[in-house]
Amino acid sequence: MALAPFGATEPHGPHLPYGTDTMAATWLSEHLSAELKLALLPAVPYGVVSSLLAYPMAVTLSPETLREIASSMAELALDSGYKAVVYVNGHGGNTDILLSLIKELSRERQVYAALLEWWHLASDITRMVFSCEGGHAAVDEAAAVLANAPHLVEQVDVSPYTVTWRPGVRAYPSPAPVMLYSSRSSPTPPSREEASLYWKLVCRRAKLTLQEILEGWEALGLQLKPPAKWPQELKPPSPLLSELTLAKLSKLHLKSASIPVLECSTPEGYGRELKQAAEASSADITLPPLPAYKPTWLPKAIEEIASSLRRHKVERIQVICSRSLEKHAAKASKVEVTAL
């Protein structure tokens, strides 16, 4: 069985990274992969963004492109000998697409498929630990980042950046990047100790839940023994966009700002790196090591990412990707492509 983390690149208030959704899904997937000995696909750091798309440097894919990426990742796993795929999703905008896909995989290809969304799975844990409910960039997501990468959390007052949605009211774009979906939600980040306890309970709940699913699948005849050969694409990836990677990009492109899509802190409201990129009207987009299996979706995905950035007056967009993806990336229009 293979795990496929999915996230997004969008603002999470003045205190959390743009890549919060992707990182949370990745951290949970890495834990499940290690605990249950499951294959791990590289994370997809772009999702379907709507209510926050007007904010600086927010990036969206179309639902069709996201579905195509998720489907191609399932094909990679299945054709490599795996019999099941679990999408570990960190972004609510991806839910409908991924849920529709796992139904199709099960119905039309007789594939064992599941969707795991940690914030829903842990809603009662959020109430138990914090005595409140979560939300976008609220206490639950802040706890996930604090527990795994506390240096990416800024200690600032988030109340000026917060809106509470009540039944019958929605607005696009959202008037604030911290969104609470209940008057019982809290935008205040927890303590480090609370965050650590919370994330341990979330990981435990996810592990037990996935074990129950696997036991049920095995009873239906699924053989979960992994293939004898572990395909290169399914090896647990190294941390995406590490400090070393960012340092290399900085040396390569001294005159343009780099957009780290996973680990960018946000000390200046919407992110120092992203804000500088917007002001400089230039950007480097780093594509993480996405599976190179039938990447027919790649040019369209790049064009949609570029279109998102051009909404924020970014004029020069350079795509940095692996050499195996270079010829596919080069088909995208109005972007520069550099292979590393």
Protein backbone atom coordinates (compact mmCIF):
# COMPACT_ATOMS: atom_id res chain seq x y z
CA MET A 1 0.00 0.00 0.00
CA ALA A 2 1.19 3.52 -0.79
CA LEU A 3 0.51 6.78 1.05
CA ALA A 4 0.03 9.97 -0.97
CA PRO A 5 0.17 13.28 0.98
CA PHE A 6 -1.71 16.25 -0.52
CA GLY A 7 -1.62 19.87 0.65
CA ALA A 8 -1.79 23.43 -0.66
CA THR A 9 0.12 26.71 -0.84
CA GLU A 10 -1.91 29.52 0.75
CA PRO A 11 -1.63 32.00 3.63
CA HIS A 12 -2.21 30.80 7.17
CA GLY A 13 -2.43 34.11 8.98
CA PRO A 14 0.56 36.08 10.26
CA HIS A 15 1.90 33.18 12.34
CA LEU A 16 1.98 29.96 10.28
CA PRO A 17 3.78 28.92 7.06
CA TYR A 18 2.16 28.98 3.62
CA GLY A 19 2.89 25.26 3.42
CA THR A 20 1.06 24.34 6.65
CA ASP A 21 -1.41 22.04 4.87
CA THR A 22 1.33 20.20 2.98
CA MET A 23 3.61 19.86 5.97
CA ALA A 24 0.91 18.48 8.25
CA ALA A 25 -0.07 15.87 5.66
CA THR A 26 3.59 14.99 5.10
CA TRP A 27 4.45 14.69 8.80
CA LEU A 28 1.47 12.42 9.39
CA SER A 29 2.27 10.32 6.30
CA GLU A 30 5.89 9.92 7.39
CA HIS A 31 4.71 8.71 10.79
CA LEU A 32 2.26 6.23 9.28
CA SER A 33 4.85 5.02 6.77
CA ALA A 34 7.37 4.32 9.54
CA GLU A 35 4.87 2.76 11.97
CA LEU A 36 3.02 0.55 9.49
CA LYS A 37 5.86 -0.06 6.98
CA LEU A 38 4.02 1.52 4.07
CA ALA A 39 5.38 3.10 0.89
CA LEU A 40 5.35 6.88 0.79
CA LEU A 41 4.86 8.99 -2.34
CA PRO A 42 6.25 12.54 -2.53
CA ALA A 43 3.84 15.21 -1.29
CA VAL A 44 1.85 17.40 -3.68
CA PRO A 45 2.18 20.97 -2.30
CA TYR A 46 -0.48 22.56 -4.50
CA GLY A 47 -4.23 22.22 -4.14
CA VAL A 48 -7.54 23.82 -5.07
CA VAL A 49 -7.61 27.24 -3.37
CA SER A 50 -10.63 29.54 -3.55
CA SER A 51 -11.42 31.75 -0.55
CA LEU A 52 -7.78 32.83 -0.07
CA LEU A 53 -6.74 33.10 -3.70
CA ALA A 54 -6.73 36.92 -3.60
CA TYR A 55 -4.00 36.98 -0.94
CA PRO A 56 -0.36 37.51 -2.01
CA MET A 57 1.29 34.47 -3.57
CA ALA A 58 -1.59 32.04 -2.99
CA VAL A 59 -1.47 29.26 -5.60
CA THR A 60 -4.27 27.11 -6.99
CA LEU A 61 -4.71 24.20 -9.36
CA SER A 62 -7.96 23.52 -11.18
CA PRO A 63 -10.00 20.60 -9.82
CA GLU A 64 -9.37 18.75 -13.10
CA THR A 65 -5.58 19.06 -12.82
CA LEU A 66 -5.53 18.02 -9.17
CA ARG A 67 -7.60 14.98 -10.03
CA GLU A 68 -5.26 14.11 -12.88
CA ILE A 69 -2.21 14.33 -10.59
CA ALA A 70 -3.86 12.20 -7.90
CA SER A 71 -4.97 9.65 -10.48
CA SER A 72 -1.51 9.39 -12.04
CA MET A 73 0.01 8.81 -8.59
CA ALA A 74 -2.43 5.96 -8.00
CA GLU A 75 -1.51 4.48 -11.38
CA LEU A 76 2.17 4.66 -10.46
CA ALA A 77 1.59 2.78 -7.24
CA LEU A 78 -0.71 0.18 -8.79
CA ASP A 79 1.50 -0.48 -11.82
CA SER A 80 4.47 -0.85 -9.46
CA GLY A 81 2.74 -3.72 -7.68
CA TYR A 82 0.91 -2.00 -4.85
CA LYS A 83 -2.72 -2.92 -4.33
CA ALA A 84 -4.02 0.06 -2.37
CA VAL A 85 -3.55 3.81 -2.07
CA VAL A 86 -4.39 6.15 0.81
CA TYR A 87 -4.59 9.88 0.15
CA VAL A 88 -3.54 11.78 3.28
CA ASN A 89 -5.07 15.20 2.71
CA GLY A 90 -4.20 18.39 4.57
CA HIS A 91 -6.38 20.89 2.68
CA GLY A 92 -10.17 21.14 2.65
CA GLY A 93 -10.27 22.45 -0.92
CA ASN A 94 -9.01 19.04 -2.12
CA THR A 95 -11.66 16.98 -0.34
CA ASP A 96 -14.35 16.69 -3.01
CA ILE A 97 -11.85 15.83 -5.77
CA LEU A 98 -10.04 13.15 -3.78
CA LEU A 99 -13.27 11.65 -2.41
CA SER A 100 -14.71 11.38 -5.90
CA LEU A 101 -11.49 9.77 -7.13
CA ILE A 102 -11.31 7.04 -4.48
CA LYS A 103 -14.93 6.11 -5.26
CA GLU A 104 -14.04 5.85 -8.94
CA LEU A 105 -10.88 3.81 -8.24
CA SER A 106 -12.87 1.35 -6.16
CA ARG A 107 -15.83 1.12 -8.53
CA GLU A 108 -14.09 1.04 -11.92
CA ARG A 109 -10.67 -0.44 -11.17
CA GLN A 110 -11.47 -2.52 -8.10
CA VAL A 111 -8.72 -0.64 -6.26
CA TYR A 112 -8.62 -0.38 -2.50
CA ALA A 113 -8.52 3.36 -1.84
CA ALA A 114 -9.04 5.62 1.16
CA LEU A 115 -9.01 9.31 2.09
CA LEU A 116 -7.66 10.40 5.48
CA GLU A 117 -8.13 14.00 6.65
CA TRP A 118 -6.47 14.55 10.01
CA TRP A 119 -8.34 17.66 11.19
CA HIS A 120 -11.73 15.94 10.86
CA LEU A 121 -10.40 12.70 12.32
CA ALA A 122 -9.05 14.62 15.34
CA SER A 123 -11.94 17.04 15.94
CA ASP A 124 -12.81 15.47 19.30
CA ILE A 125 -9.11 15.46 20.25
CA THR A 126 -8.98 19.19 19.49
CA ARG A 127 -11.91 19.79 21.84
CA MET A 128 -10.41 17.56 24.53
CA VAL A 129 -6.91 19.07 24.53
CA PHE A 130 -7.74 22.72 23.84
CA SER A 131 -11.35 22.99 25.07
CA CYS A 132 -12.30 24.58 21.75
CA GLU A 133 -12.66 23.78 18.06
CA GLY A 134 -10.22 24.29 15.21
CA GLY A 135 -10.34 26.08 11.88
CA HIS A 136 -8.12 27.41 9.12
CA ALA A 137 -4.83 28.60 10.71
CA ALA A 138 -6.53 28.06 14.07
CA VAL A 139 -5.43 26.17 17.17
CA ASP A 140 -5.32 22.71 15.54
CA GLU A 141 -3.13 23.69 12.57
CA ALA A 142 -0.93 25.83 14.82
CA ALA A 143 -0.45 22.80 17.07
CA ALA A 144 0.60 20.63 14.11
CA VAL A 145 3.35 23.08 13.14
CA LEU A 146 4.42 23.79 16.73
CA ALA A 147 4.83 20.08 17.42
CA ASN A 148 6.98 19.44 14.34
CA ALA A 149 8.67 22.72 13.33
CA PRO A 150 8.29 25.30 16.13
CA HIS A 151 10.77 27.65 14.46
CA LEU A 152 8.17 28.25 11.73
CA VAL A 153 5.57 29.66 14.12
CA GLU A 154 5.59 33.40 14.78
CA GLN A 155 4.46 34.65 18.19
CA VAL A 156 2.16 37.47 17.09
CA ASP A 157 -1.37 38.63 17.78
CA VAL A 158 -3.57 36.89 15.20
CA SER A 159 -6.89 38.49 16.18
CA PRO A 160 -6.66 41.31 13.57
CA TYR A 161 -6.29 38.62 10.88
CA THR A 162 -9.27 36.52 12.01
CA VAL A 163 -12.85 36.11 10.78
CA THR A 164 -15.51 33.85 12.32
CA TRP A 165 -17.97 32.37 9.85
CA ARG A 166 -21.50 31.78 11.07
CA PRO A 167 -24.26 29.79 9.35
CA GLY A 168 -25.65 31.62 6.36
CA VAL A 169 -22.62 33.85 5.74
CA ARG A 170 -19.68 33.37 3.35
CA ALA A 171 -17.55 35.81 1.35
CA TYR A 172 -15.06 35.35 -1.49
CA PRO A 173 -12.33 36.32 -1.04
CA SER A 174 -12.28 35.83 2.70
CA PRO A 175 -11.84 39.15 4.53
CA ALA A 176 -9.17 37.57 6.74
CA PRO A 177 -6.68 34.67 6.35
CA VAL A 178 -7.47 33.04 9.72
CA MET A 179 -10.92 31.50 9.38
CA LEU A 180 -12.94 30.09 12.26
CA TYR A 181 -16.02 28.04 11.44
CA SER A 182 -17.61 28.24 14.87
CA SER A 183 -17.84 30.68 17.75
CA ARG A 184 -16.27 27.87 19.77
CA SER A 185 -13.13 27.91 17.60
CA SER A 186 -9.91 29.57 18.74
CA PRO A 187 -7.18 31.26 16.67
CA THR A 188 -4.72 31.41 19.58
CA PRO A 189 -1.72 29.07 19.18
CA PRO A 190 -1.32 26.58 22.04
CA SER A 191 1.76 26.01 24.17
CA ARG A 192 4.55 23.76 22.93
CA GLU A 193 3.59 21.14 25.53
CA GLU A 194 -0.07 21.13 24.46
CA ALA A 195 0.93 20.96 20.80
CA SER A 196 3.22 17.99 21.38
CA LEU A 197 0.54 16.06 23.26
CA TYR A 198 -2.05 16.92 20.64
CA TRP A 199 0.03 15.73 17.69
CA LYS A 200 0.92 12.48 19.43
CA LEU A 201 -2.79 11.80 19.93
CA VAL A 202 -3.53 12.73 16.30
CA CYS A 203 -0.84 10.34 15.02
CA ARG A 204 -2.08 7.58 17.30
CA ARG A 205 -5.68 8.05 16.15
CA ALA A 206 -4.62 8.03 12.49
CA LYS A 207 -2.53 4.88 12.96
CA LEU A 208 -5.33 2.99 14.72
CA THR A 209 -7.86 4.13 12.12
CA LEU A 210 -5.67 3.04 9.22
CA GLN A 211 -4.98 -0.29 10.93
CA GLU A 212 -8.74 -0.90 11.16
CA ILE A 213 -9.11 -0.15 7.45
CA LEU A 214 -6.24 -2.47 6.56
CA GLU A 215 -7.63 -5.30 8.67
CA GLY A 216 -10.99 -4.94 6.95
CA TRP A 217 -9.36 -4.91 3.54
CA GLU A 218 -7.32 -7.99 4.39
CA ALA A 219 -10.50 -9.78 5.39
CA LEU A 220 -11.81 -8.97 1.90
CA GLY A 221 -8.76 -10.63 0.35
CA LEU A 222 -6.27 -7.79 -0.05
CA GLN A 223 -2.67 -9.03 0.13
CA LEU A 224 -0.67 -6.24 1.77
CA LYS A 225 2.76 -7.80 1.37
CA PRO A 226 4.82 -5.15 -0.48
CA PRO A 227 6.34 -5.88 -3.90
CA ALA A 228 9.79 -7.42 -3.92
CA LYS A 229 11.22 -4.40 -5.73
CA TRP A 230 10.75 -0.98 -4.18
CA PRO A 231 10.36 1.48 -7.09
CA GLN A 232 12.51 4.60 -6.92
CA GLU A 233 9.44 6.85 -7.05
CA LEU A 234 7.96 5.20 -3.95
CA LYS A 235 10.95 5.54 -1.67
CA PRO A 236 10.24 7.85 1.26
CA PRO A 237 11.45 11.22 -0.05
CA SER A 238 13.97 13.41 1.68
CA PRO A 239 12.50 16.55 3.30
CA LEU A 240 11.19 18.69 0.48
CA LEU A 241 12.77 22.08 0.01
CA SER A 242 15.30 21.69 2.79
CA GLU A 243 17.54 24.55 3.88
CA LEU A 244 20.26 23.14 1.64
CA THR A 245 17.93 23.21 -1.37
CA LEU A 246 16.94 26.80 -0.63
CA ALA A 247 20.59 27.78 -0.28
CA LYS A 248 21.32 26.29 -3.70
CA LEU A 249 18.43 28.16 -5.24
CA SER A 250 19.60 31.42 -3.69
CA LYS A 251 23.03 30.98 -5.24
CA LEU A 252 21.53 30.15 -8.62
CA HIS A 253 19.17 33.12 -8.70
CA LEU A 254 20.66 35.98 -6.71
CA LYS A 255 18.48 38.64 -8.37
CA SER A 256 15.14 36.97 -7.91
CA ALA A 257 13.24 35.89 -4.84
CA SER A 258 12.75 32.20 -4.09
CA ILE A 259 9.33 30.88 -3.13
CA PRO A 260 9.76 27.94 -0.76
CA VAL A 261 6.39 26.22 -0.94
CA LEU A 262 6.78 24.07 2.14
CA GLU A 263 8.85 25.73 4.84
CA CYS A 264 8.46 29.47 4.58
CA SER A 265 7.84 31.33 7.82
CA THR A 266 5.51 34.30 7.89
CA PRO A 267 6.90 37.05 10.17
CA GLU A 268 5.55 39.89 8.05
CA GLY A 269 1.88 39.06 7.80
CA TYR A 270 1.87 36.90 4.68
CA GLY A 271 5.42 35.60 4.65
CA ARG A 272 8.75 37.35 4.27
CA GLU A 273 9.88 35.34 1.26
CA LEU A 274 6.53 35.48 -0.53
CA LYS A 275 6.07 39.17 0.20
CA GLN A 276 9.53 39.98 -1.15
CA ALA A 277 8.76 37.96 -4.26
CA ALA A 278 5.56 39.90 -4.82
CA GLU A 279 7.32 43.24 -4.38
CA ALA A 280 10.15 42.22 -6.70
CA SER A 281 7.72 41.01 -9.38
CA SER A 282 9.85 37.92 -9.85
CA ALA A 283 9.77 34.42 -8.50
CA ASP A 284 11.36 31.00 -8.65
CA ILE A 285 8.95 28.12 -8.21
CA THR A 286 10.55 24.90 -7.04
CA LEU A 287 8.65 21.78 -8.00
CA PRO A 288 9.15 19.01 -5.40
CA PRO A 289 10.03 15.53 -6.69
CA LEU A 290 6.62 14.60 -8.01
CA PRO A 291 6.31 11.10 -9.49
CA ALA A 292 7.48 11.15 -13.09
CA TYR A 293 4.94 8.56 -14.21
CA LYS A 294 2.94 9.82 -17.20
CA PRO A 295 3.33 13.51 -16.23
CA THR A 296 1.01 14.68 -18.98
CA TRP A 297 -0.58 16.97 -16.41
CA LEU A 298 2.68 18.83 -15.72
CA PRO A 299 2.47 21.66 -18.33
CA LYS A 300 -1.11 22.43 -17.34
CA ALA A 301 -0.21 22.40 -13.64
CA ILE A 302 2.70 24.79 -14.23
CA GLU A 303 0.51 27.14 -16.24
CA GLU A 304 -2.12 27.18 -13.49
CA ILE A 305 0.52 27.87 -10.82
CA ALA A 306 1.96 30.63 -12.99
CA SER A 307 -1.49 32.09 -13.53
CA SER A 308 -2.02 32.24 -9.77
CA LEU A 309 1.24 34.11 -9.31
CA ARG A 310 0.54 36.55 -12.13
CA ARG A 311 -2.60 37.60 -10.27
CA HIS A 312 -0.15 39.11 -7.80
CA LYS A 313 1.90 40.94 -10.44
CA VAL A 314 4.66 38.35 -10.64
CA GLU A 315 6.09 38.82 -14.12
CA ARG A 316 9.08 36.48 -14.26
CA ILE A 317 8.40 32.88 -13.34
CA GLN A 318 11.07 30.21 -13.47
CA VAL A 319 10.28 26.55 -12.93
CA ILE A 320 13.05 24.45 -11.43
CA CYS A 321 12.56 20.72 -11.85
CA SER A 322 14.43 17.44 -12.25
CA ARG A 323 15.92 16.56 -15.64
CA SER A 324 13.46 13.71 -16.02
CA LEU A 325 10.62 16.27 -16.04
CA GLU A 326 12.35 18.97 -18.08
CA LYS A 327 10.89 18.10 -21.48
CA HIS A 328 7.39 17.96 -20.02
CA ALA A 329 7.77 21.21 -18.06
CA ALA A 330 9.10 22.97 -21.15
CA LYS A 331 5.69 22.57 -22.83
CA ALA A 332 4.21 25.12 -20.43
CA SER A 333 3.85 28.55 -21.96
CA LYS A 334 5.40 31.81 -20.74
CA VAL A 335 7.65 30.30 -18.08
CA GLU A 336 11.37 29.63 -17.90
CA VAL A 337 12.46 26.07 -17.15
CA THR A 338 15.69 25.09 -15.43
CA ALA A 339 16.61 21.44 -14.73
CA LEU A 340 18.77 20.55 -11.74
